[in-house]
Amino acid sequence: MLWDAIAQLGYRITFIHPISYRRDYIDYLQKLFNCYHNKADQIITKNVHFSDDFP
């Protein structure tokens, strides 16, 4: 119902998720994608915390 209500108002929902090489962060990101991928126009993952040496 939340998605329908938001769409009727002309708004959109954005999830912001910190990225890390830790497995729990990756698992949570995968869960977000599995639940909401068909409702997202784009998915952006960008590392700005761990520098260019991010594994």
N, C-alpha and C. Protein backbone atom coordinates (compact mmCIF):
# COMPACT_ATOMS: atom_id res chain seq x y z
N MET A 1 0.82 -1.19 0.00
CA MET A 1 0.00 0.00 0.00
C MET A 1 0.87 1.27 0.00
N LEU A 2 2.03 1.19 0.61
CA LEU A 2 2.91 2.36 0.66
C LEU A 2 3.29 2.80 -0.74
N TRP A 3 3.68 1.86 -1.60
CA TRP A 3 4.10 2.22 -2.96
C TRP A 3 2.97 2.88 -3.72
N ASP A 4 1.75 2.38 -3.59
CA ASP A 4 0.61 2.97 -4.28
C ASP A 4 0.33 4.39 -3.78
N ALA A 5 0.36 4.57 -2.47
CA ALA A 5 0.11 5.89 -1.89
C ALA A 5 1.18 6.89 -2.34
N ILE A 6 2.42 6.48 -2.33
CA ILE A 6 3.51 7.35 -2.76
C ILE A 6 3.34 7.73 -4.23
N ALA A 7 3.02 6.75 -5.07
CA ALA A 7 2.85 7.00 -6.51
C ALA A 7 1.69 7.96 -6.76
N GLN A 8 0.60 7.82 -6.03
CA GLN A 8 -0.55 8.71 -6.21
C GLN A 8 -0.20 10.15 -5.86
N LEU A 9 0.71 10.33 -4.94
CA LEU A 9 1.14 11.67 -4.55
C LEU A 9 2.21 12.24 -5.47
N GLY A 10 2.72 11.39 -6.36
CA GLY A 10 3.76 11.83 -7.28
C GLY A 10 5.16 11.78 -6.70
N TYR A 11 5.30 11.13 -5.55
CA TYR A 11 6.61 11.00 -4.92
C TYR A 11 7.23 9.66 -5.27
N ARG A 12 8.50 9.54 -4.95
CA ARG A 12 9.22 8.29 -5.14
C ARG A 12 10.07 8.03 -3.91
N ILE A 13 10.35 6.78 -3.64
CA ILE A 13 11.15 6.40 -2.48
C ILE A 13 12.56 6.06 -2.93
N THR A 14 13.53 6.54 -2.17
CA THR A 14 14.93 6.22 -2.43
C THR A 14 15.51 5.55 -1.20
N PHE A 15 16.16 4.42 -1.41
CA PHE A 15 16.89 3.75 -0.34
C PHE A 15 18.35 4.15 -0.46
N ILE A 16 18.93 4.59 0.64
CA ILE A 16 20.35 4.90 0.68
C ILE A 16 20.99 3.90 1.63
N HIS A 17 21.96 3.18 1.10
CA HIS A 17 22.58 2.11 1.87
C HIS A 17 24.09 2.24 1.80
N PRO A 18 24.76 2.28 2.94
CA PRO A 18 26.22 2.36 2.90
C PRO A 18 26.79 1.06 2.34
N ILE A 19 27.85 1.19 1.58
CA ILE A 19 28.46 0.01 0.99
C ILE A 19 29.73 -0.33 1.75
N SER A 20 29.97 -1.59 1.89
CA SER A 20 31.15 -2.10 2.57
C SER A 20 31.45 -3.47 2.00
N TYR A 21 32.65 -3.93 2.19
CA TYR A 21 33.00 -5.27 1.74
C TYR A 21 32.56 -6.34 2.73
N ARG A 22 32.04 -5.93 3.88
CA ARG A 22 31.57 -6.91 4.86
C ARG A 22 30.36 -7.66 4.31
N ARG A 23 30.27 -8.92 4.59
CA ARG A 23 29.22 -9.78 4.04
C ARG A 23 27.82 -9.32 4.45
N ASP A 24 27.63 -8.85 5.68
CA ASP A 24 26.29 -8.45 6.12
C ASP A 24 25.78 -7.24 5.33
N TYR A 25 26.66 -6.34 4.94
CA TYR A 25 26.23 -5.21 4.10
C TYR A 25 25.79 -5.69 2.73
N ILE A 26 26.56 -6.60 2.17
CA ILE A 26 26.22 -7.14 0.85
C ILE A 26 24.92 -7.94 0.90
N ASP A 27 24.73 -8.72 1.95
CA ASP A 27 23.49 -9.49 2.11
C ASP A 27 22.28 -8.57 2.19
N TYR A 28 22.40 -7.48 2.97
CA TYR A 28 21.28 -6.55 3.11
C TYR A 28 20.98 -5.85 1.79
N LEU A 29 22.03 -5.46 1.07
CA LEU A 29 21.83 -4.85 -0.23
C LEU A 29 21.13 -5.81 -1.18
N GLN A 30 21.49 -7.08 -1.14
CA GLN A 30 20.83 -8.09 -1.98
C GLN A 30 19.35 -8.24 -1.60
N LYS A 31 19.04 -8.19 -0.32
CA LYS A 31 17.65 -8.27 0.13
C LYS A 31 16.84 -7.07 -0.37
N LEU A 32 17.42 -5.87 -0.29
CA LEU A 32 16.73 -4.68 -0.83
C LEU A 32 16.44 -4.86 -2.32
N PHE A 33 17.44 -5.31 -3.05
CA PHE A 33 17.27 -5.51 -4.48
C PHE A 33 16.19 -6.56 -4.76
N ASN A 34 16.22 -7.67 -4.05
CA ASN A 34 15.24 -8.73 -4.27
C ASN A 34 13.82 -8.26 -3.98
N CYS A 35 13.65 -7.43 -2.98
CA CYS A 35 12.30 -6.96 -2.61
C CYS A 35 11.79 -5.83 -3.50
N TYR A 36 12.67 -4.93 -3.94
CA TYR A 36 12.22 -3.70 -4.57
C TYR A 36 12.76 -3.45 -5.96
N HIS A 37 13.42 -4.41 -6.58
CA HIS A 37 14.05 -4.16 -7.87
C HIS A 37 13.07 -3.73 -8.95
N ASN A 38 11.88 -4.25 -8.94
CA ASN A 38 10.91 -3.88 -9.97
C ASN A 38 10.25 -2.53 -9.70
N LYS A 39 10.55 -1.93 -8.57
CA LYS A 39 10.01 -0.61 -8.26
C LYS A 39 11.08 0.48 -8.37
N ALA A 40 12.31 0.09 -8.64
CA ALA A 40 13.40 1.05 -8.72
C ALA A 40 13.69 1.40 -10.18
N ASP A 41 13.88 2.68 -10.45
CA ASP A 41 14.29 3.11 -11.78
C ASP A 41 15.78 2.90 -11.98
N GLN A 42 16.52 3.00 -10.90
CA GLN A 42 17.97 2.80 -10.97
C GLN A 42 18.50 2.37 -9.62
N ILE A 43 19.59 1.65 -9.67
CA ILE A 43 20.29 1.25 -8.46
C ILE A 43 21.72 1.73 -8.61
N ILE A 44 22.17 2.52 -7.67
CA ILE A 44 23.51 3.09 -7.73
C ILE A 44 24.29 2.64 -6.51
N THR A 45 25.45 2.11 -6.75
CA THR A 45 26.36 1.74 -5.67
C THR A 45 27.65 2.49 -5.89
N LYS A 46 28.04 3.27 -4.92
CA LYS A 46 29.26 4.05 -5.06
C LYS A 46 30.03 4.04 -3.75
N ASN A 47 31.29 3.81 -3.84
CA ASN A 47 32.14 3.81 -2.67
C ASN A 47 32.82 5.18 -2.55
N VAL A 48 32.55 5.87 -1.48
CA VAL A 48 33.26 7.12 -1.22
C VAL A 48 33.91 7.10 0.16
N HIS A 49 33.73 6.02 0.88
CA HIS A 49 34.26 5.95 2.24
C HIS A 49 35.59 5.22 2.31
N PHE A 50 35.74 4.14 1.56
CA PHE A 50 36.90 3.27 1.69
C PHE A 50 38.03 3.60 0.73
N SER A 51 37.94 4.68 -0.01
CA SER A 51 38.95 5.13 -0.96
C SER A 51 38.97 4.24 -2.20
N ASP A 52 39.95 4.46 -3.04
CA ASP A 52 40.06 3.69 -4.27
C ASP A 52 40.56 2.27 -4.04
N ASP A 53 40.97 1.96 -2.81
CA ASP A 53 41.51 0.64 -2.50
C ASP A 53 40.43 -0.34 -2.06
N PHE A 54 39.20 -0.01 -2.26
CA PHE A 54 38.08 -0.87 -1.89
C PHE A 54 38.20 -2.21 -2.62
N PRO A 55 38.18 -3.34 -1.90
CA PRO A 55 38.42 -4.64 -2.56
C PRO A 55 37.35 -5.03 -3.57
